[in-house]
């Protein structure tokens, strides 16, 4: 195993078989000690959150794969908090995709002149470049295409996949009495240019409420797997 990358919430290792191993950590994005999936820096460490995120990722990746949506997921090892994944290239230097069902967090802070907090959104998809120094700047489809980051078809596929995966997750949560407000994904592409979901599908990357009250990642995991 060769260490190739240290991320905010995971470390990445290259395997001899050509795949990669993701080692989940207990770090979460946030600010001032408060969790926020929309933030671009580690804000706090929650013991056990790496295990939480891996368990939920396994559950949803298997569900997404079964739905015929391309992902990088191969297998996982809960004992070592690791996940084996297929190789994928990231778009540009890394792209994050957020799907929003409610106007909260950074969306509301940006657009509060045009919406009320908590207002319903129609599976709104937004893309941001991963760049801590620049605050993960928003980028449009035209920007992504004109800058050569992806093709128009890749963007359309990415958007459709984002909305489809979000629905799978949100519907599952809804069955458990939980309301998803937004969720953050990462996408890459394989050797043939096909868009694929990468990274994780975890409680640490989504904002979920129950009866109007925010549910933190650890509590969410307990409610989800109860």
Protein backbone atom coordinates (compact mmCIF):
# COMPACT_ATOMS: atom_id res chain seq x y z
CA UNK A 1 0.00 0.00 0.00
CA UNK A 2 1.35 3.40 -0.98
CA UNK A 3 0.08 6.60 0.64
CA UNK A 4 -0.91 9.03 -2.13
CA UNK A 5 -3.08 11.72 -0.54
CA UNK A 6 -4.12 13.16 2.82
CA UNK A 7 -7.63 14.63 2.73
CA UNK A 8 -9.78 16.45 5.28
CA UNK A 9 -11.89 13.43 6.20
CA UNK A 10 -10.03 10.54 4.48
CA UNK A 11 -6.54 9.38 3.54
CA UNK A 12 -5.95 7.64 0.20
CA UNK A 13 -3.65 4.71 -0.52
CA UNK A 14 -2.79 2.96 -3.82
CA UNK A 15 -3.28 -0.83 -3.90
CA UNK A 16 -1.28 -3.34 -5.91
CA UNK A 17 -4.38 -4.40 -7.88
CA UNK A 18 -4.80 -0.93 -9.40
CA UNK A 19 -7.60 0.14 -7.07
CA UNK A 20 -7.37 2.57 -4.16
CA UNK A 21 -8.07 2.33 -0.44
CA UNK A 22 -9.82 5.14 1.44
CA UNK A 23 -9.13 5.34 5.18
CA UNK A 24 -11.96 7.20 6.92
CA UNK A 25 -11.01 9.64 9.70
CA UNK A 26 -12.95 11.24 12.56
CA UNK A 27 -12.55 14.79 11.20
CA UNK A 28 -15.57 16.79 10.00
CA UNK A 29 -15.96 19.98 7.99
CA UNK A 30 -17.34 22.94 9.89
CA UNK A 31 -16.58 26.27 11.50
CA UNK A 32 -16.12 27.44 15.09
CA UNK A 33 -16.51 23.91 16.37
CA UNK A 34 -19.85 23.37 14.62
CA UNK A 35 -20.43 20.80 11.88
CA UNK A 36 -21.36 22.16 8.45
CA UNK A 37 -21.18 20.00 5.30
CA UNK A 38 -20.97 23.18 3.22
CA UNK A 39 -17.75 24.41 4.86
CA UNK A 40 -14.39 23.90 3.17
CA UNK A 41 -12.18 23.19 6.19
CA UNK A 42 -12.01 20.75 9.08
CA UNK A 43 -13.88 22.36 11.95
CA UNK A 44 -14.04 19.60 14.53
CA UNK A 45 -13.23 15.99 15.33
CA UNK A 46 -16.01 13.63 16.45
CA UNK A 47 -14.85 10.29 17.81
CA UNK A 48 -16.31 7.45 15.78
CA UNK A 49 -17.60 9.59 12.91
CA UNK A 50 -15.26 7.83 10.45
CA UNK A 51 -16.93 4.52 11.27
CA UNK A 52 -20.35 6.18 11.03
CA UNK A 53 -19.58 7.61 7.59
CA UNK A 54 -18.21 4.32 6.29
CA UNK A 55 -21.25 2.33 7.46
CA UNK A 56 -23.66 4.71 5.79
CA UNK A 57 -21.50 4.88 2.66
CA UNK A 58 -21.57 1.09 2.32
CA UNK A 59 -25.35 1.07 2.71
CA UNK A 60 -26.00 3.75 0.10
CA UNK A 61 -23.27 2.82 -2.39
CA UNK A 62 -24.71 -0.68 -2.60
CA UNK A 63 -28.16 0.82 -3.14
CA UNK A 64 -26.92 3.26 -5.80
CA UNK A 65 -24.97 0.52 -7.59
CA UNK A 66 -28.10 -1.66 -7.57
CA UNK A 67 -29.99 1.23 -9.23
CA UNK A 68 -27.54 1.06 -12.14
CA UNK A 69 -25.77 4.34 -11.34
CA UNK A 70 -21.99 4.23 -11.83
CA UNK A 71 -19.87 4.60 -8.66
CA UNK A 72 -16.30 3.82 -7.64
CA UNK A 73 -17.36 1.54 -4.75
CA UNK A 74 -15.89 -1.99 -4.67
CA UNK A 75 -15.93 -3.20 -1.06
CA UNK A 76 -15.31 -2.10 2.52
CA UNK A 77 -13.64 -3.26 5.74
CA UNK A 78 -15.42 -1.96 8.83
CA UNK A 79 -12.77 -3.33 11.19
CA UNK A 80 -10.15 -1.05 9.63
CA UNK A 81 -12.53 1.76 8.58
CA UNK A 82 -11.46 1.44 4.96
CA UNK A 83 -13.18 1.27 1.58
CA UNK A 84 -11.71 -0.13 -1.64
CA UNK A 85 -12.61 1.88 -4.73
CA UNK A 86 -12.01 1.82 -8.47
CA UNK A 87 -9.63 4.42 -9.93
CA UNK A 88 -11.22 7.65 -11.09
CA UNK A 89 -9.97 11.00 -12.29
CA UNK A 90 -11.40 14.09 -10.62
CA UNK A 91 -12.79 16.96 -12.63
CA UNK A 92 -10.21 19.72 -12.72
CA UNK A 93 -8.51 19.87 -9.33
CA UNK A 94 -11.61 18.53 -7.61
CA UNK A 95 -15.30 19.35 -7.86
CA UNK A 96 -18.01 19.24 -5.20
CA UNK A 97 -21.69 18.92 -6.08
CA UNK A 98 -24.45 19.87 -3.66
CA UNK A 99 -28.10 18.98 -4.11
CA UNK A 100 -30.48 21.12 -2.08
CA UNK A 101 -34.07 20.45 -1.05
CA UNK A 102 -34.18 23.43 1.33
CA UNK A 103 -32.76 26.96 1.36
CA UNK A 104 -30.37 26.70 4.31
CA UNK A 105 -26.67 27.08 5.08
CA UNK A 106 -24.47 28.81 2.51
CA UNK A 107 -27.31 28.88 -0.04
CA UNK A 108 -29.48 30.98 2.26
CA UNK A 109 -26.56 33.21 3.23
CA UNK A 110 -25.90 33.98 -0.44
CA UNK A 111 -29.48 34.35 -1.63
CA UNK A 112 -31.45 35.52 1.39
CA UNK A 113 -32.70 38.53 -0.59
CA UNK A 114 -34.62 36.12 -2.80
CA UNK A 115 -35.82 33.37 -0.46
CA UNK A 116 -36.87 32.58 3.06
CA UNK A 117 -34.82 30.29 5.28
CA UNK A 118 -35.95 26.69 4.92
CA UNK A 119 -37.85 27.39 1.70
CA UNK A 120 -38.38 24.33 -0.51
CA UNK A 121 -36.03 23.92 -3.47
CA UNK A 122 -36.61 21.55 -6.44
CA UNK A 123 -33.50 19.33 -6.03
CA UNK A 124 -31.34 22.38 -6.83
CA UNK A 125 -27.86 21.35 -7.99
CA UNK A 126 -24.79 23.55 -7.60
CA UNK A 127 -21.14 22.87 -8.33
CA UNK A 128 -18.08 24.30 -6.62
CA UNK A 129 -14.36 23.97 -7.25
CA UNK A 130 -12.49 22.44 -4.33
CA UNK A 131 -10.19 25.29 -3.31
CA UNK A 132 -9.89 26.20 0.36
CA UNK A 133 -8.00 29.43 -0.26
CA UNK A 134 -10.77 30.72 -2.54
CA UNK A 135 -13.65 29.43 -0.43
CA UNK A 136 -14.72 26.69 -2.85
CA UNK A 137 -16.00 29.08 -5.57
CA UNK A 138 -19.28 28.33 -7.31
CA UNK A 139 -19.03 27.48 -11.00
CA UNK A 140 -21.79 27.15 -13.60
CA UNK A 141 -22.21 24.56 -16.35
CA UNK A 142 -20.95 27.10 -18.90
CA UNK A 143 -17.91 27.75 -16.75
CA UNK A 144 -17.10 24.06 -16.41
CA UNK A 145 -17.49 23.46 -20.15
CA UNK A 146 -15.76 26.64 -21.34
CA UNK A 147 -12.81 26.06 -18.99
CA UNK A 148 -12.38 22.54 -20.30
CA UNK A 149 -13.14 20.88 -16.95
CA UNK A 150 -15.85 18.66 -18.43
CA UNK A 151 -18.02 18.25 -21.50
CA UNK A 152 -21.61 19.41 -21.73
CA UNK A 153 -22.76 15.77 -21.69
CA UNK A 154 -20.67 15.00 -18.62
CA UNK A 155 -22.31 17.92 -16.81
CA UNK A 156 -25.79 16.78 -17.82
CA UNK A 157 -24.98 13.24 -16.65
CA UNK A 158 -23.53 14.57 -13.40
CA UNK A 159 -26.65 16.64 -12.69
CA UNK A 160 -29.06 13.80 -13.47
CA UNK A 161 -27.02 11.37 -11.37
CA UNK A 162 -26.88 13.85 -8.48
CA UNK A 163 -30.66 14.26 -8.44
CA UNK A 164 -31.25 10.51 -8.77
CA UNK A 165 -28.83 9.62 -5.95
CA UNK A 166 -30.22 12.38 -3.75
CA UNK A 167 -33.72 10.99 -4.20
CA UNK A 168 -32.54 7.50 -3.22
CA UNK A 169 -31.00 8.87 -0.03
CA UNK A 170 -33.83 11.28 0.81
CA UNK A 171 -36.54 8.66 0.26
CA UNK A 172 -34.74 6.24 2.54
CA UNK A 173 -34.38 8.89 5.24
CA UNK A 174 -38.04 9.89 4.84
CA UNK A 175 -39.10 6.31 5.62
CA UNK A 176 -37.34 6.74 8.97
CA UNK A 177 -39.04 10.06 9.70
CA UNK A 178 -36.00 12.11 8.72
CA UNK A 179 -35.93 15.09 6.34
CA UNK A 180 -32.85 15.77 4.24
CA UNK A 181 -32.24 19.44 3.51
CA UNK A 182 -29.08 19.08 1.42
CA UNK A 183 -26.28 16.67 0.59
CA UNK A 184 -22.78 17.00 -0.82
CA UNK A 185 -21.23 14.62 -3.36
CA UNK A 186 -18.03 14.31 -5.33
CA UNK A 187 -17.84 12.97 -8.86
CA UNK A 188 -15.04 11.87 -11.13
CA UNK A 189 -14.79 9.92 -14.37
CA UNK A 190 -13.36 6.60 -15.53
CA UNK A 191 -10.89 5.87 -18.33
CA UNK A 192 -13.69 6.12 -20.90
CA UNK A 193 -14.91 9.49 -19.64
CA UNK A 194 -18.00 8.09 -17.92
CA UNK A 195 -19.11 10.13 -14.90
CA UNK A 196 -19.02 8.20 -11.62
CA UNK A 197 -19.86 8.97 -8.01
CA UNK A 198 -16.73 8.93 -5.84
CA UNK A 199 -15.80 9.76 -2.24
CA UNK A 200 -18.63 8.85 0.18
CA UNK A 201 -22.37 9.03 0.89
CA UNK A 202 -22.33 9.73 4.58
CA UNK A 203 -23.99 11.48 7.49
CA UNK A 204 -21.05 13.88 7.58
CA UNK A 205 -21.93 15.15 4.11
CA UNK A 206 -25.64 15.79 4.58
CA UNK A 207 -27.87 18.12 6.56
CA UNK A 208 -30.79 16.20 8.07
CA UNK A 209 -33.65 17.30 10.33
CA UNK A 210 -36.28 15.50 12.37
CA UNK A 211 -39.44 17.39 13.35
CA UNK A 212 -37.69 20.65 12.45
CA UNK A 213 -34.64 19.94 14.63
CA UNK A 214 -31.16 19.48 13.16
CA UNK A 215 -29.67 16.01 13.65
CA UNK A 216 -25.89 15.80 14.10
CA UNK A 217 -24.00 13.04 12.20
CA UNK A 218 -23.57 10.69 15.17
CA UNK A 219 -27.21 10.95 16.21
CA UNK A 220 -28.28 10.55 12.59
CA UNK A 221 -26.37 7.30 12.34
CA UNK A 222 -28.03 5.95 15.48
CA UNK A 223 -31.49 6.89 14.20
CA UNK A 224 -30.76 5.56 10.72
CA UNK A 225 -29.51 2.16 11.80
CA UNK A 226 -31.85 1.75 14.78
